[in-house]
Amino acid sequence: MHRDAKIAALVQNSADTDKLLADSRLEKLAYLKELHNSNERCAHLEAKYEHVYATSTYSSADVGLFETFYPAAVEH
């Protein structure tokens, strides 16, 4: 193989590798954005759960009383 052909093959290989790296970086950024959005959603749902739990009108004693008098209504 001639020297020029080897150089051309290396240049082409380098260009292909650069394109693959750029594509991988873009894909990684997309996954990181998706992860960030998922974490924000999770935090929002946790805050919503805490709010509902804190403002719940039933105490654990009320739930225990309900379970005592209506055991068939409680799923185990």
N, C-alpha and C. Protein backbone atom coordinates (compact mmCIF):
# COMPACT_ATOMS: atom_id res chain seq x y z
N MET A 1 0.85 -1.17 0.00
CA MET A 1 0.00 0.00 0.00
C MET A 1 0.90 1.25 0.00
N HIS A 2 0.52 2.22 -0.77
CA HIS A 2 1.32 3.43 -0.85
C HIS A 2 1.14 4.29 0.39
N ARG A 3 2.12 5.10 0.60
CA ARG A 3 2.11 5.97 1.77
C ARG A 3 0.91 6.91 1.75
N ASP A 4 0.58 7.48 0.61
CA ASP A 4 -0.56 8.39 0.50
C ASP A 4 -1.87 7.69 0.81
N ALA A 5 -1.99 6.45 0.38
CA ALA A 5 -3.20 5.68 0.64
C ALA A 5 -3.35 5.40 2.13
N LYS A 6 -2.23 5.10 2.78
CA LYS A 6 -2.27 4.85 4.23
C LYS A 6 -2.68 6.12 4.98
N ILE A 7 -2.11 7.24 4.55
CA ILE A 7 -2.46 8.51 5.19
C ILE A 7 -3.94 8.83 4.98
N ALA A 8 -4.44 8.61 3.79
CA ALA A 8 -5.85 8.88 3.49
C ALA A 8 -6.75 7.98 4.35
N ALA A 9 -6.34 6.72 4.51
CA ALA A 9 -7.13 5.79 5.32
C ALA A 9 -7.13 6.24 6.79
N LEU A 10 -6.00 6.69 7.28
CA LEU A 10 -5.92 7.17 8.66
C LEU A 10 -6.76 8.43 8.87
N VAL A 11 -6.72 9.34 7.89
CA VAL A 11 -7.52 10.57 7.98
C VAL A 11 -9.01 10.23 7.99
N GLN A 12 -9.41 9.29 7.14
CA GLN A 12 -10.81 8.87 7.09
C GLN A 12 -11.23 8.21 8.40
N ASN A 13 -10.36 7.36 8.93
CA ASN A 13 -10.63 6.69 10.19
C ASN A 13 -10.75 7.71 11.32
N SER A 14 -9.89 8.69 11.32
CA SER A 14 -9.94 9.74 12.33
C SER A 14 -11.23 10.55 12.24
N ALA A 15 -11.66 10.86 11.03
CA ALA A 15 -12.91 11.60 10.83
C ALA A 15 -14.10 10.78 11.31
N ASP A 16 -14.10 9.48 11.01
CA ASP A 16 -15.19 8.61 11.45
C ASP A 16 -15.23 8.54 12.98
N THR A 17 -14.05 8.44 13.59
CA THR A 17 -13.98 8.38 15.05
C THR A 17 -14.48 9.68 15.67
N ASP A 18 -14.10 10.81 15.09
CA ASP A 18 -14.58 12.10 15.60
C ASP A 18 -16.09 12.21 15.52
N LYS A 19 -16.67 11.72 14.43
CA LYS A 19 -18.13 11.76 14.28
C LYS A 19 -18.80 10.87 15.34
N LEU A 20 -18.24 9.69 15.57
CA LEU A 20 -18.81 8.81 16.59
C LEU A 20 -18.73 9.44 17.98
N LEU A 21 -17.62 10.08 18.29
CA LEU A 21 -17.48 10.75 19.58
C LEU A 21 -18.49 11.88 19.74
N ALA A 22 -18.67 12.66 18.69
CA ALA A 22 -19.64 13.76 18.75
C ALA A 22 -21.05 13.23 18.94
N ASP A 23 -21.40 12.16 18.22
CA ASP A 23 -22.73 11.56 18.38
C ASP A 23 -22.92 11.03 19.80
N SER A 24 -21.87 10.42 20.35
CA SER A 24 -21.96 9.88 21.71
C SER A 24 -22.14 10.99 22.72
N ARG A 25 -21.46 12.11 22.53
CA ARG A 25 -21.61 13.24 23.45
C ARG A 25 -23.04 13.79 23.40
N LEU A 26 -23.60 13.89 22.21
CA LEU A 26 -24.98 14.38 22.09
C LEU A 26 -25.96 13.43 22.76
N GLU A 27 -25.74 12.14 22.57
CA GLU A 27 -26.61 11.15 23.19
C GLU A 27 -26.49 11.22 24.72
N LYS A 28 -25.27 11.39 25.22
CA LYS A 28 -25.06 11.52 26.66
C LYS A 28 -25.79 12.74 27.21
N LEU A 29 -25.71 13.86 26.50
CA LEU A 29 -26.41 15.07 26.94
C LEU A 29 -27.92 14.85 26.99
N ALA A 30 -28.45 14.14 26.00
CA ALA A 30 -29.88 13.85 25.99
C ALA A 30 -30.26 13.01 27.19
N TYR A 31 -29.44 12.00 27.52
CA TYR A 31 -29.72 11.16 28.69
C TYR A 31 -29.62 11.95 29.98
N LEU A 32 -28.64 12.86 30.06
CA LEU A 32 -28.50 13.67 31.26
C LEU A 32 -29.68 14.62 31.44
N LYS A 33 -30.19 15.18 30.35
CA LYS A 33 -31.38 16.02 30.43
C LYS A 33 -32.58 15.21 30.91
N GLU A 34 -32.72 14.00 30.37
CA GLU A 34 -33.83 13.13 30.78
C GLU A 34 -33.70 12.78 32.26
N LEU A 35 -32.50 12.49 32.72
CA LEU A 35 -32.28 12.18 34.12
C LEU A 35 -32.61 13.38 35.01
N HIS A 36 -32.19 14.55 34.59
CA HIS A 36 -32.48 15.77 35.35
C HIS A 36 -33.99 16.00 35.45
N ASN A 37 -34.68 15.85 34.33
CA ASN A 37 -36.14 16.02 34.34
C ASN A 37 -36.81 14.99 35.25
N SER A 38 -36.31 13.76 35.22
CA SER A 38 -36.88 12.71 36.08
C SER A 38 -36.65 13.03 37.55
N ASN A 39 -35.46 13.52 37.87
CA ASN A 39 -35.17 13.89 39.26
C ASN A 39 -36.04 15.04 39.73
N GLU A 40 -36.27 16.02 38.86
CA GLU A 40 -37.16 17.13 39.22
C GLU A 40 -38.58 16.63 39.46
N ARG A 41 -39.04 15.75 38.60
CA ARG A 41 -40.39 15.18 38.75
C ARG A 41 -40.51 14.40 40.05
N CYS A 42 -39.49 13.63 40.35
CA CYS A 42 -39.49 12.85 41.59
C CYS A 42 -39.52 13.77 42.81
N ALA A 43 -38.73 14.83 42.79
CA ALA A 43 -38.72 15.79 43.90
C ALA A 43 -40.08 16.45 44.04
N HIS A 44 -40.70 16.78 42.92
CA HIS A 44 -42.03 17.39 42.96
C HIS A 44 -43.04 16.43 43.58
N LEU A 45 -43.00 15.17 43.17
CA LEU A 45 -43.94 14.18 43.71
C LEU A 45 -43.68 13.92 45.20
N GLU A 46 -42.42 13.90 45.60
CA GLU A 46 -42.11 13.72 47.02
C GLU A 46 -42.64 14.89 47.84
N ALA A 47 -42.48 16.10 47.33
CA ALA A 47 -43.00 17.27 48.04
C ALA A 47 -44.52 17.22 48.13
N LYS A 48 -45.14 16.79 47.05
CA LYS A 48 -46.60 16.67 47.03
C LYS A 48 -47.06 15.62 48.05
N TYR A 49 -46.35 14.50 48.11
CA TYR A 49 -46.68 13.44 49.07
C TYR A 49 -46.52 13.96 50.50
N GLU A 50 -45.42 14.66 50.77
CA GLU A 50 -45.20 15.20 52.11
C GLU A 50 -46.30 16.18 52.50
N HIS A 51 -46.72 16.99 51.56
CA HIS A 51 -47.79 17.95 51.83
C HIS A 51 -49.09 17.22 52.16
N VAL A 52 -49.43 16.23 51.35
CA VAL A 52 -50.66 15.47 51.59
C VAL A 52 -50.58 14.75 52.93
N TYR A 53 -49.43 14.16 53.22
CA TYR A 53 -49.26 13.45 54.49
C TYR A 53 -49.37 14.40 55.67
N ALA A 54 -48.77 15.57 55.54
CA ALA A 54 -48.78 16.54 56.65
C ALA A 54 -50.16 17.13 56.87
N THR A 55 -50.95 17.26 55.81
CA THR A 55 -52.27 17.87 55.95
C THR A 55 -53.39 16.85 56.07
N SER A 56 -53.02 15.61 56.19
CA SER A 56 -54.02 14.55 56.32
C SER A 56 -54.81 14.74 57.60
N THR A 57 -56.12 14.54 57.51
CA THR A 57 -56.99 14.75 58.69
C THR A 57 -57.06 13.52 59.57
N TYR A 58 -56.52 12.42 59.10
CA TYR A 58 -56.57 11.19 59.88
C TYR A 58 -55.24 10.97 60.59
N SER A 59 -55.32 10.63 61.85
CA SER A 59 -54.11 10.29 62.59
C SER A 59 -53.91 8.78 62.53
N SER A 60 -52.78 8.32 62.96
CA SER A 60 -52.53 6.89 62.97
C SER A 60 -53.49 6.18 63.93
N ALA A 61 -53.91 6.88 64.97
CA ALA A 61 -54.88 6.29 65.90
C ALA A 61 -56.22 6.07 65.21
N ASP A 62 -56.64 7.02 64.37
CA ASP A 62 -57.89 6.87 63.63
C ASP A 62 -57.81 5.67 62.70
N VAL A 63 -56.68 5.50 62.05
CA VAL A 63 -56.50 4.37 61.13
C VAL A 63 -56.53 3.07 61.90
N GLY A 64 -55.87 3.04 63.05
CA GLY A 64 -55.89 1.83 63.89
C GLY A 64 -57.28 1.47 64.34
N LEU A 65 -58.07 2.46 64.71
CA LEU A 65 -59.45 2.24 65.12
C LEU A 65 -60.27 1.66 63.96
N PHE A 66 -60.08 2.24 62.78
CA PHE A 66 -60.78 1.75 61.60
C PHE A 66 -60.42 0.29 61.32
N GLU A 67 -59.13 -0.02 61.42
CA GLU A 67 -58.70 -1.40 61.17
C GLU A 67 -59.26 -2.36 62.21
N THR A 68 -59.44 -1.88 63.43
CA THR A 68 -59.99 -2.72 64.49
C THR A 68 -61.45 -3.06 64.23
N PHE A 69 -62.21 -2.07 63.83
CA PHE A 69 -63.65 -2.29 63.66
C PHE A 69 -64.03 -2.78 62.27
N TYR A 70 -63.18 -2.58 61.30
CA TYR A 70 -63.48 -3.03 59.92
C TYR A 70 -62.29 -3.80 59.34
N PRO A 71 -61.98 -4.95 59.94
CA PRO A 71 -60.79 -5.69 59.46
C PRO A 71 -60.96 -6.21 58.03
N ALA A 72 -62.17 -6.43 57.59
CA ALA A 72 -62.38 -6.94 56.22
C ALA A 72 -62.04 -5.88 55.18
N ALA A 73 -62.11 -4.62 55.57
CA ALA A 73 -61.84 -3.54 54.62
C ALA A 73 -60.34 -3.33 54.40
N VAL A 74 -59.54 -3.87 55.30
CA VAL A 74 -58.09 -3.67 55.21
C VAL A 74 -57.48 -4.83 54.45
N GLU A 75 -56.74 -4.52 53.41
CA GLU A 75 -56.08 -5.56 52.62
C GLU A 75 -54.72 -5.87 53.21
N HIS A 76 -54.41 -7.13 53.30
CA HIS A 76 -53.07 -7.53 53.80
C HIS A 76 -52.36 -8.30 52.74
